[in-house]
Amino acid sequence: MLDKIFRLNHDCFRIESDIVIYTDPFHISAGLPGADLVLISHEHFDHCSPEDLAKVAKDDTVYLAPADCRDKVSGEFRAVKPGDRLEVKGVSIEVVPAYNTDKDFHPRQAGYVGYVFTTGGKRIYFAGDTDRIPEMKQIECDIALLPVSGTYVMTAEEAVEAARDIGAEVVIPMHYGDIVGTAADAERFKKMYEGNCLIK
C-alpha cells in the first residue's frame, strides 16, 4: 500500500487503491488522476482550495469536509464532524478531532477534523492540522500521516510523541514545504522517531 501513497504538497496526498482518494489538495499540478473521494480537514485556504479541488474533480467526486467548507466546494458535498462514521464508495471512514492545544489557529470548538479511513486493506490516519491531542491515543491505524512543521501544528518533536501515542506501523510526515516548514522538519522527525518513518 505504501507505494500507492503519493505526497503531492503540504497536506495533500493521493492514495490509489480501489478508488482514488485525495487529502487537502493545495498547489498541485494539473493533469493528475481524477478523485473519487476528497477528504478536507478544514476551511483554511491551504486545505480547502477551490482552484485545486477543480484540478482533480470528476462528475462523481464526493467531498467530505466540515460544514463551513460548503461554499468552497462544487459537487457532491457531505458535511462531517468529529465522531462521525460513514462509508463512501466502499471506504469506511471515521472522522476524528484536529485542534491546537497551545495556539489559536485551529480551536477545538471550530470542529476541524482528521480522518481514519480503510483502503487497500490498511487503516490510514490523516491527522489534519493538529497538535498532539489526547484523542490520538484512541486511534488505531496502520499508517499515520502527521504534521511536523510547528507554528500552526505540532513540531517534529511533538509529532514524535504523538506517533508514540498512535503506534502506527509507518508514519509519513506532512505539513511542510509550502506555507511553513521544510524537508528538514521531516528529516528531524525521522531521526528522532524510533519507529518506521517514510518521507514522501
Protein backbone atom coordinates (compact mmCIF):
# COMPACT_ATOMS: atom_id res chain seq x y z
CA MET A 1 0.00 0.00 0.00
CA LEU A 2 2.86 2.40 0.73
CA ASP A 3 3.81 2.57 -2.94
CA LYS A 4 0.27 3.76 -3.68
CA ILE A 5 0.52 6.77 -1.37
CA PHE A 6 1.87 9.89 -3.06
CA ARG A 7 2.59 13.10 -1.14
CA LEU A 8 1.99 15.95 -3.59
CA ASN A 9 2.46 19.03 -1.41
CA HIS A 10 1.81 20.38 2.08
CA ASP A 11 -1.01 18.15 3.47
CA CYS A 12 -2.03 16.81 0.05
CA PHE A 13 -1.73 13.10 -0.58
CA ARG A 14 -3.12 10.94 -3.36
CA ILE A 15 -3.91 7.39 -2.28
CA GLU A 16 -4.67 4.92 -5.04
CA SER A 17 -6.37 1.61 -4.30
CA ASP A 18 -9.81 0.55 -5.48
CA ILE A 19 -10.58 4.25 -5.73
CA VAL A 20 -8.50 7.45 -5.88
CA ILE A 21 -8.52 9.48 -2.67
CA TYR A 22 -7.04 12.95 -2.14
CA THR A 23 -6.47 14.82 1.10
CA ASP A 24 -6.48 18.65 1.25
CA PRO A 25 -5.43 19.43 -2.36
CA PHE A 26 -3.29 22.60 -2.46
CA HIS A 27 -0.78 23.93 -5.00
CA ILE A 28 -0.98 20.73 -7.05
CA SER A 29 -0.35 20.26 -10.77
CA ALA A 30 -3.00 19.88 -13.44
CA GLY A 31 -3.35 16.55 -15.22
CA LEU A 32 -3.47 14.36 -12.11
CA PRO A 33 -5.79 11.35 -11.86
CA GLY A 34 -9.35 12.36 -11.03
CA ALA A 35 -10.60 12.00 -7.47
CA ASP A 36 -13.28 9.57 -6.41
CA LEU A 37 -13.14 10.90 -2.87
CA VAL A 38 -11.62 14.06 -1.38
CA LEU A 39 -11.08 14.40 2.37
CA ILE A 40 -10.84 18.01 3.54
CA SER A 41 -9.71 18.79 7.08
CA HIS A 42 -10.87 22.40 7.43
CA GLU A 43 -11.70 25.60 5.59
CA HIS A 44 -8.33 27.39 5.62
CA PHE A 45 -7.18 28.38 2.13
CA ASP A 46 -4.26 25.95 2.09
CA HIS A 47 -6.52 22.99 2.84
CA CYS A 48 -9.79 23.82 1.11
CA SER A 49 -8.72 25.43 -2.16
CA PRO A 50 -11.43 25.64 -4.86
CA GLU A 51 -8.78 26.10 -7.55
CA ASP A 52 -7.01 22.91 -6.58
CA LEU A 53 -10.18 20.92 -5.98
CA ALA A 54 -11.15 21.72 -9.56
CA LYS A 55 -7.93 20.11 -10.83
CA VAL A 56 -8.97 16.66 -9.58
CA ALA A 57 -12.75 16.97 -9.85
CA LYS A 58 -14.85 14.40 -11.69
CA ASP A 59 -18.60 14.30 -12.22
CA ASP A 60 -18.97 11.80 -9.39
CA THR A 61 -16.33 13.05 -6.94
CA VAL A 62 -17.52 13.02 -3.32
CA TYR A 63 -16.15 15.66 -0.93
CA LEU A 64 -16.12 15.24 2.85
CA ALA A 65 -15.42 18.34 4.92
CA PRO A 66 -16.65 20.36 7.90
CA ALA A 67 -19.83 22.30 7.13
CA ASP A 68 -18.06 25.68 6.84
CA CYS A 69 -16.30 24.43 3.68
CA ARG A 70 -19.57 24.05 1.78
CA ASP A 71 -19.37 27.35 -0.13
CA LYS A 72 -15.89 26.48 -1.45
CA VAL A 73 -16.81 23.07 -2.84
CA SER A 74 -18.64 22.32 -6.08
CA GLY A 75 -20.10 18.85 -6.42
CA GLU A 76 -21.37 16.22 -4.00
CA PHE A 77 -20.58 17.64 -0.58
CA ARG A 78 -21.09 15.80 2.69
CA ALA A 79 -20.61 17.77 5.89
CA VAL A 80 -18.81 15.87 8.64
CA LYS A 81 -17.84 16.46 12.24
CA PRO A 82 -15.68 14.67 14.80
CA GLY A 83 -17.27 11.39 15.83
CA ASP A 84 -18.97 10.70 12.50
CA ARG A 85 -18.65 7.27 10.90
CA LEU A 86 -19.65 6.65 7.31
CA GLU A 87 -18.91 4.63 4.21
CA VAL A 88 -18.30 6.26 0.83
CA LYS A 89 -17.61 4.28 -2.32
CA GLY A 90 -16.67 1.22 -0.28
CA VAL A 91 -14.30 3.12 2.02
CA SER A 92 -15.01 3.04 5.76
CA ILE A 93 -14.28 6.43 7.28
CA GLU A 94 -14.07 7.66 10.87
CA VAL A 95 -13.97 11.42 11.41
CA VAL A 96 -11.71 12.45 14.30
CA PRO A 97 -10.87 15.76 16.01
CA ALA A 98 -8.00 18.01 14.91
CA TYR A 99 -7.16 21.06 17.01
CA ASN A 100 -4.46 23.13 18.69
CA THR A 101 -3.70 22.84 22.39
CA ASP A 102 -1.34 25.80 22.85
CA LYS A 103 -2.20 28.17 20.00
CA ASP A 104 -5.34 29.64 18.44
CA PHE A 105 -5.13 28.78 14.74
CA HIS A 106 -7.29 25.66 14.98
CA PRO A 107 -9.50 25.90 18.07
CA ARG A 108 -11.27 22.75 19.20
CA GLN A 109 -14.68 24.41 19.05
CA ALA A 110 -14.25 25.08 15.31
CA GLY A 111 -14.87 21.40 14.59
CA TYR A 112 -11.90 20.84 12.29
CA VAL A 113 -11.19 17.21 11.52
CA GLY A 114 -8.85 14.42 10.61
CA TYR A 115 -9.86 11.08 9.13
CA VAL A 116 -9.17 7.40 9.70
CA PHE A 117 -10.11 5.52 6.56
CA THR A 118 -9.65 1.98 5.34
CA THR A 119 -8.49 1.33 1.81
CA GLY A 120 -6.27 -1.31 0.24
CA GLY A 121 -6.60 -3.36 3.41
CA LYS A 122 -4.92 -0.64 5.53
CA ARG A 123 -6.25 1.84 8.05
CA ILE A 124 -4.79 5.26 7.26
CA TYR A 125 -4.92 8.21 9.66
CA PHE A 126 -4.79 11.64 8.04
CA ALA A 127 -4.36 13.92 11.04
CA GLY A 128 -5.23 17.30 9.51
CA ASP A 129 -3.91 20.46 11.17
CA THR A 130 -3.47 19.45 14.77
CA ASP A 131 -1.26 19.36 17.80
CA ARG A 132 -0.68 16.22 19.83
CA ILE A 133 -4.11 15.69 21.37
CA PRO A 134 -5.38 13.09 23.88
CA GLU A 135 -7.72 11.54 21.31
CA MET A 136 -4.72 10.23 19.37
CA LYS A 137 -4.26 7.50 21.98
CA GLN A 138 -7.58 6.02 20.85
CA ILE A 139 -6.70 5.93 17.16
CA GLU A 140 -5.93 2.56 15.63
CA CYS A 141 -4.22 2.68 12.26
CA ASP A 142 -1.54 1.07 10.14
CA ILE A 143 -0.26 4.27 8.50
CA ALA A 144 -0.29 7.74 10.10
CA LEU A 145 0.10 10.97 8.13
CA LEU A 146 1.26 13.53 10.71
CA PRO A 147 2.12 17.25 10.55
CA VAL A 148 5.64 18.11 11.72
CA SER A 149 6.38 21.75 10.90
CA GLY A 150 5.33 23.64 14.02
CA THR A 151 3.87 27.20 14.01
CA TYR A 152 0.31 26.17 13.09
CA VAL A 153 0.61 22.49 14.04
CA MET A 154 2.81 20.33 16.24
CA THR A 155 6.56 20.44 15.89
CA ALA A 156 8.65 17.46 14.81
CA GLU A 157 9.45 16.84 18.47
CA GLU A 158 5.78 16.90 19.45
CA ALA A 159 4.91 14.72 16.46
CA VAL A 160 7.32 12.07 17.77
CA GLU A 161 5.31 11.93 20.99
CA ALA A 162 2.08 11.77 19.01
CA ALA A 163 3.44 8.95 16.86
CA ARG A 164 4.29 7.01 20.02
CA ASP A 165 0.73 7.52 21.25
CA ILE A 166 -0.69 6.22 17.98
CA GLY A 167 1.65 3.30 17.40
CA ALA A 168 1.16 3.03 13.65
CA GLU A 169 3.27 0.62 11.62
CA VAL A 170 4.53 3.53 9.49
CA VAL A 171 4.44 7.33 9.91
CA ILE A 172 4.63 9.69 6.95
CA PRO A 173 5.39 13.33 7.84
CA MET A 174 3.40 16.16 6.23
CA HIS A 175 2.64 19.89 6.53
CA TYR A 176 5.97 21.22 5.31
CA GLY A 177 7.45 22.62 2.12
CA ASP A 178 4.72 25.20 1.47
CA ILE A 179 3.40 27.99 3.74
CA VAL A 180 5.53 26.75 6.63
CA GLY A 181 8.23 24.19 7.35
CA THR A 182 10.87 22.49 5.23
CA ALA A 183 12.07 18.99 4.47
CA ALA A 184 14.42 19.44 7.43
CA ASP A 185 11.40 19.12 9.74
CA ALA A 186 10.53 15.74 8.24
CA GLU A 187 14.15 14.62 8.48
CA ARG A 188 14.30 15.74 12.12
CA PHE A 189 11.19 13.73 12.88
CA LYS A 190 12.67 10.66 11.18
CA LYS A 191 15.92 10.99 13.12
CA MET A 192 14.15 11.23 16.48
CA TYR A 193 11.39 8.67 15.95
CA GLU A 194 12.38 5.11 16.75
CA GLY A 195 9.55 3.61 14.68
CA ASN A 196 9.21 3.31 10.91
CA CYS A 197 9.13 6.66 9.11
CA LEU A 198 8.75 7.10 5.38
CA ILE A 199 9.38 10.51 3.86
CA LYS A 200 7.40 11.03 0.67
